[in-house]
């Protein structure tokens, strides 16, 4: 499953709308921007997960939980690691 697919399915398919609303842009613009960012996100996640088994397991747990929490509730989580 690709990163963009996970993001599109997160929060019951509402993640892109949530991000779009927080940035005051439409969901289509958000999807286009995320599609451009996803290859870099995936490469960074793969690199970090390879080096840190705990991080890798946390990522798997997040995917299994379908990322139901809002990423905007803890914005530091989007930029730290």
C-alpha atoms as a PDB file:
ATOM      1  CA  UNK A   1       0.000   0.000   0.000  1.00  0.00           C
ATOM      2  CA  UNK A   2       1.401   3.395  -0.934  1.00  0.00           C
ATOM      3  CA  UNK A   3       1.765   6.316   1.460  1.00  0.00           C
ATOM      4  CA  UNK A   4      -0.776   8.343  -0.512  1.00  0.00           C
ATOM      5  CA  UNK A   5      -3.288   5.476  -0.254  1.00  0.00           C
ATOM      6  CA  UNK A   6      -2.795   5.309   3.512  1.00  0.00           C
ATOM      7  CA  UNK A   7      -3.263   9.065   3.775  1.00  0.00           C
ATOM      8  CA  UNK A   8      -6.378   9.010   1.603  1.00  0.00           C
ATOM      9  CA  UNK A   9      -7.905   6.280   3.783  1.00  0.00           C
ATOM     10  CA  UNK A  10      -6.899   7.814   7.117  1.00  0.00           C
ATOM     11  CA  UNK A  11      -9.632   9.166   9.365  1.00  0.00           C
ATOM     12  CA  UNK A  12     -12.253   7.334   7.386  1.00  0.00           C
ATOM     13  CA  UNK A  13     -11.206   9.126   4.200  1.00  0.00           C
ATOM     14  CA  UNK A  14     -11.410  12.562   5.813  1.00  0.00           C
ATOM     15  CA  UNK A  15      -7.706  13.314   6.374  1.00  0.00           C
ATOM     16  CA  UNK A  16      -7.212  15.290   3.158  1.00  0.00           C
ATOM     17  CA  UNK A  17     -10.286  17.386   3.931  1.00  0.00           C
ATOM     18  CA  UNK A  18      -9.016  18.028   7.464  1.00  0.00           C
ATOM     19  CA  UNK A  19      -5.612  19.133   6.211  1.00  0.00           C
ATOM     20  CA  UNK A  20      -7.189  21.239   3.456  1.00  0.00           C
ATOM     21  CA  UNK A  21      -9.455  23.011   5.937  1.00  0.00           C
ATOM     22  CA  UNK A  22      -6.558  23.719   8.282  1.00  0.00           C
ATOM     23  CA  UNK A  23      -4.570  25.276   5.423  1.00  0.00           C
ATOM     24  CA  UNK A  24      -7.582  27.052   3.907  1.00  0.00           C
ATOM     25  CA  UNK A  25      -7.148  25.319   0.539  1.00  0.00           C
ATOM     26  CA  UNK A  26      -9.367  22.828  -1.250  1.00  0.00           C
ATOM     27  CA  UNK A  27      -8.997  19.067  -0.926  1.00  0.00           C
ATOM     28  CA  UNK A  28      -7.870  18.735  -4.561  1.00  0.00           C
ATOM     29  CA  UNK A  29      -4.922  21.046  -3.957  1.00  0.00           C
ATOM     30  CA  UNK A  30      -4.103  19.095  -0.810  1.00  0.00           C
ATOM     31  CA  UNK A  31      -4.141  15.773  -2.684  1.00  0.00           C
ATOM     32  CA  UNK A  32      -1.864  17.157  -5.420  1.00  0.00           C
ATOM     33  CA  UNK A  33       0.594  18.539  -2.865  1.00  0.00           C
ATOM     34  CA  UNK A  34       0.594  15.323  -0.835  1.00  0.00           C
ATOM     35  CA  UNK A  35       1.105  13.224  -3.982  1.00  0.00           C
ATOM     36  CA  UNK A  36       4.231  15.259  -4.696  1.00  0.00           C
ATOM     37  CA  UNK A  37       5.449  14.928  -1.102  1.00  0.00           C
ATOM     38  CA  UNK A  38       4.701  11.222  -0.645  1.00  0.00           C
ATOM     39  CA  UNK A  39       7.797   9.826  -2.395  1.00  0.00           C
ATOM     40  CA  UNK A  40      10.030  11.871  -0.081  1.00  0.00           C
ATOM     41  CA  UNK A  41       7.918  10.900   2.934  1.00  0.00           C
ATOM     42  CA  UNK A  42       8.120   7.208   2.019  1.00  0.00           C
ATOM     43  CA  UNK A  43      11.885   7.352   1.472  1.00  0.00           C
ATOM     44  CA  UNK A  44      12.455   9.090   4.807  1.00  0.00           C
ATOM     45  CA  UNK A  45      10.180   6.664   6.652  1.00  0.00           C
ATOM     46  CA  UNK A  46      11.964   3.688   5.093  1.00  0.00           C
ATOM     47  CA  UNK A  47      15.369   5.063   6.012  1.00  0.00           C
ATOM     48  CA  UNK A  48      14.385   5.843   9.608  1.00  0.00           C
ATOM     49  CA  UNK A  49      12.536   2.544  10.053  1.00  0.00           C
ATOM     50  CA  UNK A  50      15.545   0.614   8.815  1.00  0.00           C
ATOM     51  CA  UNK A  51      17.671   2.257  11.505  1.00  0.00           C
ATOM     52  CA  UNK A  52      15.120   2.087  14.347  1.00  0.00           C
ATOM     53  CA  UNK A  53      13.064  -1.063  14.932  1.00  0.00           C
ATOM     54  CA  UNK A  54      10.879   0.682  17.542  1.00  0.00           C
ATOM     55  CA  UNK A  55      10.009   3.454  15.094  1.00  0.00           C
ATOM     56  CA  UNK A  56       9.216   0.844  12.441  1.00  0.00           C
ATOM     57  CA  UNK A  57       6.868  -0.971  14.837  1.00  0.00           C
ATOM     58  CA  UNK A  58       5.203   2.321  15.794  1.00  0.00           C
ATOM     59  CA  UNK A  59       4.634   3.067  12.121  1.00  0.00           C
ATOM     60  CA  UNK A  60       3.060  -0.352  11.578  1.00  0.00           C
ATOM     61  CA  UNK A  61       0.828   0.175  14.625  1.00  0.00           C
ATOM     62  CA  UNK A  62      -0.266   3.545  13.263  1.00  0.00           C
ATOM     63  CA  UNK A  63      -1.136   2.019   9.901  1.00  0.00           C
ATOM     64  CA  UNK A  64      -3.065  -0.814  11.580  1.00  0.00           C
ATOM     65  CA  UNK A  65      -5.013   1.716  13.653  1.00  0.00           C
ATOM     66  CA  UNK A  66      -5.888   3.496  10.379  1.00  0.00           C
ATOM     67  CA  UNK A  67      -4.464   6.760  11.698  1.00  0.00           C
ATOM     68  CA  UNK A  68      -7.744   7.719  13.355  1.00  0.00           C
ATOM     69  CA  UNK A  69      -6.214  10.498  15.456  1.00  0.00           C
ATOM     70  CA  UNK A  70      -5.979  13.926  13.912  1.00  0.00           C
ATOM     71  CA  UNK A  71      -2.443  14.761  12.798  1.00  0.00           C
ATOM     72  CA  UNK A  72      -3.261  18.355  13.576  1.00  0.00           C
ATOM     73  CA  UNK A  73      -3.939  17.590  17.248  1.00  0.00           C
ATOM     74  CA  UNK A  74      -0.166  17.267  17.783  1.00  0.00           C
ATOM     75  CA  UNK A  75       1.504  19.210  14.969  1.00  0.00           C
ATOM     76  CA  UNK A  76       4.976  18.525  16.380  1.00  0.00           C
ATOM     77  CA  UNK A  77       4.442  14.905  15.409  1.00  0.00           C
ATOM     78  CA  UNK A  78       4.322  15.929  11.780  1.00  0.00           C
ATOM     79  CA  UNK A  79       7.758  17.506  11.863  1.00  0.00           C
ATOM     80  CA  UNK A  80       9.727  15.636  14.493  1.00  0.00           C
ATOM     81  CA  UNK A  81      11.248  12.173  14.444  1.00  0.00           C
END
